[in-house]
Amino acid sequence: MQHDNDTKADDKADDGAKPRFRPVPWTALETPADAELWIAEHDLALQEHIGKNETGYGVRFTLAAGGDIYMQTSDDAIVLDVTPDAEWVAPLIAAVAQAEPPKGSMWVLPDDKLVQLILGLSTLVDSTTLVAGHNFGRRRAW
C-alpha cells in the first residue's frame, strides 16, 4: 500500500530524505478513556521523536475509505488539515466541532473537542503516522 510519504511530490518537499516515521496500524477506540490513553501515548511519542526546533509536527490519520487528516494540537486548539480526498469526513468534524465547515482544508477546533474527535474518527482510521515539517495553515489551494 502506497502512502503519501512515498509520492514524488513529498520526496521533493523532503529533499529526497527517507521518511522518518512509519505508519502504525490503527486499533479502534471504544471509550473516552481509550481516547485519552491514545492521546497520552501520542504526546509521549512526539516528545521522544520530535526535535525542539522542529515545526509542523503532529499526526497523520490515513482513513480507510481514502484521504488523510493531519492533526496538530496546542494548549488551546486543534488544527486539522484535511486533504481533498478526505473531504467526505467534513460532516463528522462539523458535528464534533458544532460548527460550519471552513472554506478551505484547515479546521481549527477548541482543544476540549479532542477526545470526541478521536472517538468520532476511530472507526474510520486505517493507520497513523507521526509527521514533522507539515505546513499547517500554509497549504496551497487545491
C-alpha atoms as a PDB file:
ATOM      1  CA  MET A   1       0.000   0.000   0.000  1.00  0.00           C
ATOM      2  CA  GLN A   2       1.469   3.350  -1.031  1.00  0.00           C
ATOM      3  CA  HIS A   3       1.276   6.231   1.438  1.00  0.00           C
ATOM      4  CA  ASP A   4       1.600   9.949   0.755  1.00  0.00           C
ATOM      5  CA  ASN A   5       5.144   9.967   2.087  1.00  0.00           C
ATOM      6  CA  ASP A   6       6.084   7.646  -0.792  1.00  0.00           C
ATOM      7  CA  THR A   7       4.999  10.096  -3.511  1.00  0.00           C
ATOM      8  CA  LYS A   8       7.332  12.068  -5.707  1.00  0.00           C
ATOM      9  CA  ALA A   9       5.895  15.440  -4.600  1.00  0.00           C
ATOM     10  CA  ASP A  10       6.596  14.700  -0.959  1.00  0.00           C
ATOM     11  CA  ASP A  11      10.089  13.453  -1.776  1.00  0.00           C
ATOM     12  CA  LYS A  12      10.766  16.873  -3.283  1.00  0.00           C
ATOM     13  CA  ALA A  13       9.437  18.581  -0.140  1.00  0.00           C
ATOM     14  CA  ASP A  14      11.652  16.344   1.998  1.00  0.00           C
ATOM     15  CA  ASP A  15      14.693  16.958  -0.219  1.00  0.00           C
ATOM     16  CA  GLY A  16      14.733  13.253  -1.107  1.00  0.00           C
ATOM     17  CA  ALA A  17      15.144  12.131   2.512  1.00  0.00           C
ATOM     18  CA  LYS A  18      13.661   8.811   3.546  1.00  0.00           C
ATOM     19  CA  PRO A  19      10.559   9.138   5.738  1.00  0.00           C
ATOM     20  CA  ARG A  20      11.477   9.212   9.435  1.00  0.00           C
ATOM     21  CA  PHE A  21       8.178   7.779  10.619  1.00  0.00           C
ATOM     22  CA  ARG A  22       6.307   4.692   9.527  1.00  0.00           C
ATOM     23  CA  PRO A  23       2.532   4.177   9.553  1.00  0.00           C
ATOM     24  CA  VAL A  24       1.187   2.413  12.637  1.00  0.00           C
ATOM     25  CA  PRO A  25      -1.920   0.256  12.132  1.00  0.00           C
ATOM     26  CA  TRP A  26      -4.911   1.686  13.983  1.00  0.00           C
ATOM     27  CA  THR A  27      -6.958  -0.178  16.577  1.00  0.00           C
ATOM     28  CA  ALA A  28     -10.434   1.293  17.018  1.00  0.00           C
ATOM     29  CA  LEU A  29     -11.024   3.037  20.342  1.00  0.00           C
ATOM     30  CA  GLU A  30     -14.288   2.465  22.185  1.00  0.00           C
ATOM     31  CA  THR A  31     -14.371   4.706  25.252  1.00  0.00           C
ATOM     32  CA  PRO A  32     -13.238   8.190  26.269  1.00  0.00           C
ATOM     33  CA  ALA A  33     -10.616   6.517  28.484  1.00  0.00           C
ATOM     34  CA  ASP A  34      -9.253   4.682  25.396  1.00  0.00           C
ATOM     35  CA  ALA A  35      -9.012   8.016  23.549  1.00  0.00           C
ATOM     36  CA  GLU A  36      -7.296   9.715  26.499  1.00  0.00           C
ATOM     37  CA  LEU A  37      -4.754   6.882  26.664  1.00  0.00           C
ATOM     38  CA  TRP A  38      -4.058   7.174  22.914  1.00  0.00           C
ATOM     39  CA  ILE A  39      -3.623  10.966  23.296  1.00  0.00           C
ATOM     40  CA  ALA A  40      -1.169  10.483  26.182  1.00  0.00           C
ATOM     41  CA  GLU A  41       0.824   7.883  24.218  1.00  0.00           C
ATOM     42  CA  HIS A  42       0.854  10.129  21.142  1.00  0.00           C
ATOM     43  CA  ASP A  43       2.133  13.072  23.225  1.00  0.00           C
ATOM     44  CA  LEU A  44       4.947  10.910  24.612  1.00  0.00           C
ATOM     45  CA  ALA A  45       5.897   9.740  21.115  1.00  0.00           C
ATOM     46  CA  LEU A  46       6.067  13.347  19.905  1.00  0.00           C
ATOM     47  CA  GLN A  47       8.235  14.347  22.878  1.00  0.00           C
ATOM     48  CA  GLU A  48      10.553  11.418  22.192  1.00  0.00           C
ATOM     49  CA  HIS A  49      10.882  11.769  18.405  1.00  0.00           C
ATOM     50  CA  ILE A  50      10.454  15.463  17.555  1.00  0.00           C
ATOM     51  CA  GLY A  51      13.351  17.862  17.981  1.00  0.00           C
ATOM     52  CA  LYS A  52      12.983  21.098  19.946  1.00  0.00           C
ATOM     53  CA  ASN A  53      13.458  23.272  16.858  1.00  0.00           C
ATOM     54  CA  GLU A  54      11.120  21.303  14.576  1.00  0.00           C
ATOM     55  CA  THR A  55       7.842  22.788  13.433  1.00  0.00           C
ATOM     56  CA  GLY A  56       4.763  21.397  11.720  1.00  0.00           C
ATOM     57  CA  TYR A  57       4.664  18.294  13.871  1.00  0.00           C
ATOM     58  CA  GLY A  58       1.617  16.212  14.657  1.00  0.00           C
ATOM     59  CA  VAL A  59      -0.054  13.078  13.408  1.00  0.00           C
ATOM     60  CA  ARG A  60      -1.455  11.990  10.064  1.00  0.00           C
ATOM     61  CA  PHE A  61      -4.574   9.872  10.172  1.00  0.00           C
ATOM     62  CA  THR A  62      -4.849   7.804   6.991  1.00  0.00           C
ATOM     63  CA  LEU A  63      -8.518   6.995   6.533  1.00  0.00           C
ATOM     64  CA  ALA A  64      -9.564   3.517   5.420  1.00  0.00           C
ATOM     65  CA  ALA A  65     -12.033   4.905   2.850  1.00  0.00           C
ATOM     66  CA  GLY A  66      -9.470   7.336   1.439  1.00  0.00           C
ATOM     67  CA  GLY A  67      -7.718  10.536   2.345  1.00  0.00           C
ATOM     68  CA  ASP A  68      -5.658  11.890   5.193  1.00  0.00           C
ATOM     69  CA  ILE A  69      -6.229  14.219   8.086  1.00  0.00           C
ATOM     70  CA  TYR A  70      -3.190  15.952   9.553  1.00  0.00           C
ATOM     71  CA  MET A  71      -3.678  16.990  13.171  1.00  0.00           C
ATOM     72  CA  GLN A  72      -1.646  19.332  15.342  1.00  0.00           C
ATOM     73  CA  THR A  73      -2.627  20.259  18.887  1.00  0.00           C
ATOM     74  CA  SER A  74      -1.687  23.135  21.135  1.00  0.00           C
ATOM     75  CA  ASP A  75      -2.734  24.171  24.629  1.00  0.00           C
ATOM     76  CA  ASP A  76      -5.887  25.814  23.318  1.00  0.00           C
ATOM     77  CA  ALA A  77      -6.663  24.474  19.831  1.00  0.00           C
ATOM     78  CA  ILE A  78      -6.731  21.508  17.486  1.00  0.00           C
ATOM     79  CA  VAL A  79      -5.669  22.231  13.908  1.00  0.00           C
ATOM     80  CA  LEU A  80      -6.822  19.777  11.244  1.00  0.00           C
ATOM     81  CA  ASP A  81      -5.609  19.854   7.659  1.00  0.00           C
ATOM     82  CA  VAL A  82      -7.991  17.685   5.637  1.00  0.00           C
ATOM     83  CA  THR A  83      -6.754  16.513   2.230  1.00  0.00           C
ATOM     84  CA  PRO A  84      -9.192  16.860  -0.683  1.00  0.00           C
ATOM     85  CA  ASP A  85      -9.793  13.104  -0.875  1.00  0.00           C
ATOM     86  CA  ALA A  86     -10.845  13.107   2.813  1.00  0.00           C
ATOM     87  CA  GLU A  87     -13.408  15.908   2.494  1.00  0.00           C
ATOM     88  CA  TRP A  88     -16.131  13.273   2.906  1.00  0.00           C
ATOM     89  CA  VAL A  89     -15.380  13.320   6.663  1.00  0.00           C
ATOM     90  CA  ALA A  90     -16.306  17.030   6.994  1.00  0.00           C
ATOM     91  CA  PRO A  91     -19.818  16.332   8.413  1.00  0.00           C
ATOM     92  CA  LEU A  92     -18.284  14.312  11.270  1.00  0.00           C
ATOM     93  CA  ILE A  93     -15.773  17.055  12.085  1.00  0.00           C
ATOM     94  CA  ALA A  94     -18.527  19.674  11.897  1.00  0.00           C
ATOM     95  CA  ALA A  95     -20.652  17.641  14.319  1.00  0.00           C
ATOM     96  CA  VAL A  96     -17.777  17.298  16.778  1.00  0.00           C
ATOM     97  CA  ALA A  97     -16.910  20.997  16.475  1.00  0.00           C
ATOM     98  CA  GLN A  98     -20.556  22.074  16.441  1.00  0.00           C
ATOM     99  CA  ALA A  99     -19.545  24.481  13.672  1.00  0.00           C
ATOM    100  CA  GLU A 100     -19.852  25.001   9.937  1.00  0.00           C
ATOM    101  CA  PRO A 101     -17.045  23.603   7.766  1.00  0.00           C
ATOM    102  CA  PRO A 102     -14.344  26.139   6.826  1.00  0.00           C
ATOM    103  CA  LYS A 103     -13.981  27.382   3.254  1.00  0.00           C
ATOM    104  CA  GLY A 104     -10.599  25.677   2.875  1.00  0.00           C
ATOM    105  CA  SER A 105      -8.999  22.486   4.130  1.00  0.00           C
ATOM    106  CA  MET A 106      -7.957  23.891   7.522  1.00  0.00           C
ATOM    107  CA  TRP A 107     -10.120  23.375  10.597  1.00  0.00           C
ATOM    108  CA  VAL A 108      -9.400  24.986  13.972  1.00  0.00           C
ATOM    109  CA  LEU A 109     -11.297  23.384  16.856  1.00  0.00           C
ATOM    110  CA  PRO A 110     -11.283  24.129  20.574  1.00  0.00           C
ATOM    111  CA  ASP A 111      -8.915  21.843  22.500  1.00  0.00           C
ATOM    112  CA  ASP A 112     -11.774  20.456  24.608  1.00  0.00           C
ATOM    113  CA  LYS A 113     -13.082  18.613  21.489  1.00  0.00           C
ATOM    114  CA  LEU A 114     -10.025  16.345  21.164  1.00  0.00           C
ATOM    115  CA  VAL A 115     -11.434  13.237  22.884  1.00  0.00           C
ATOM    116  CA  GLN A 116     -14.710  13.469  20.929  1.00  0.00           C
ATOM    117  CA  LEU A 117     -12.790  13.973  17.672  1.00  0.00           C
ATOM    118  CA  ILE A 118     -10.541  10.945  18.235  1.00  0.00           C
ATOM    119  CA  LEU A 119     -13.537   8.776  19.164  1.00  0.00           C
ATOM    120  CA  GLY A 120     -15.510  10.027  16.152  1.00  0.00           C
ATOM    121  CA  LEU A 121     -12.681   9.249  13.745  1.00  0.00           C
ATOM    122  CA  SER A 122     -11.751   5.982  15.430  1.00  0.00           C
ATOM    123  CA  THR A 123     -13.714   3.574  13.225  1.00  0.00           C
ATOM    124  CA  LEU A 124     -12.615   5.410  10.047  1.00  0.00           C
ATOM    125  CA  VAL A 125      -8.831   5.316  10.566  1.00  0.00           C
ATOM    126  CA  ASP A 126      -6.572   2.761   8.889  1.00  0.00           C
ATOM    127  CA  SER A 127      -3.237   3.970  10.293  1.00  0.00           C
ATOM    128  CA  THR A 128      -1.471   6.891  11.936  1.00  0.00           C
ATOM    129  CA  THR A 129       1.947   8.355  11.209  1.00  0.00           C
ATOM    130  CA  LEU A 130       3.873  10.972  13.156  1.00  0.00           C
ATOM    131  CA  VAL A 131       4.731  13.951  10.973  1.00  0.00           C
ATOM    132  CA  ALA A 132       7.204  16.820  11.170  1.00  0.00           C
ATOM    133  CA  GLY A 133       7.559  19.734   8.811  1.00  0.00           C
ATOM    134  CA  HIS A 134       3.900  19.788   7.706  1.00  0.00           C
ATOM    135  CA  ASN A 135       2.792  23.286   6.694  1.00  0.00           C
ATOM    136  CA  PHE A 136      -0.278  23.626   8.896  1.00  0.00           C
ATOM    137  CA  GLY A 137      -2.074  26.731   7.697  1.00  0.00           C
ATOM    138  CA  ARG A 138       0.089  27.223   4.640  1.00  0.00           C
ATOM    139  CA  ARG A 139      -1.299  24.577   2.290  1.00  0.00           C
ATOM    140  CA  ARG A 140      -1.568  25.662  -1.318  1.00  0.00           C
ATOM    141  CA  ALA A 141      -5.042  25.985  -2.827  1.00  0.00           C
ATOM    142  CA  TRP A 142      -6.342  22.662  -4.058  1.00  0.00           C
END
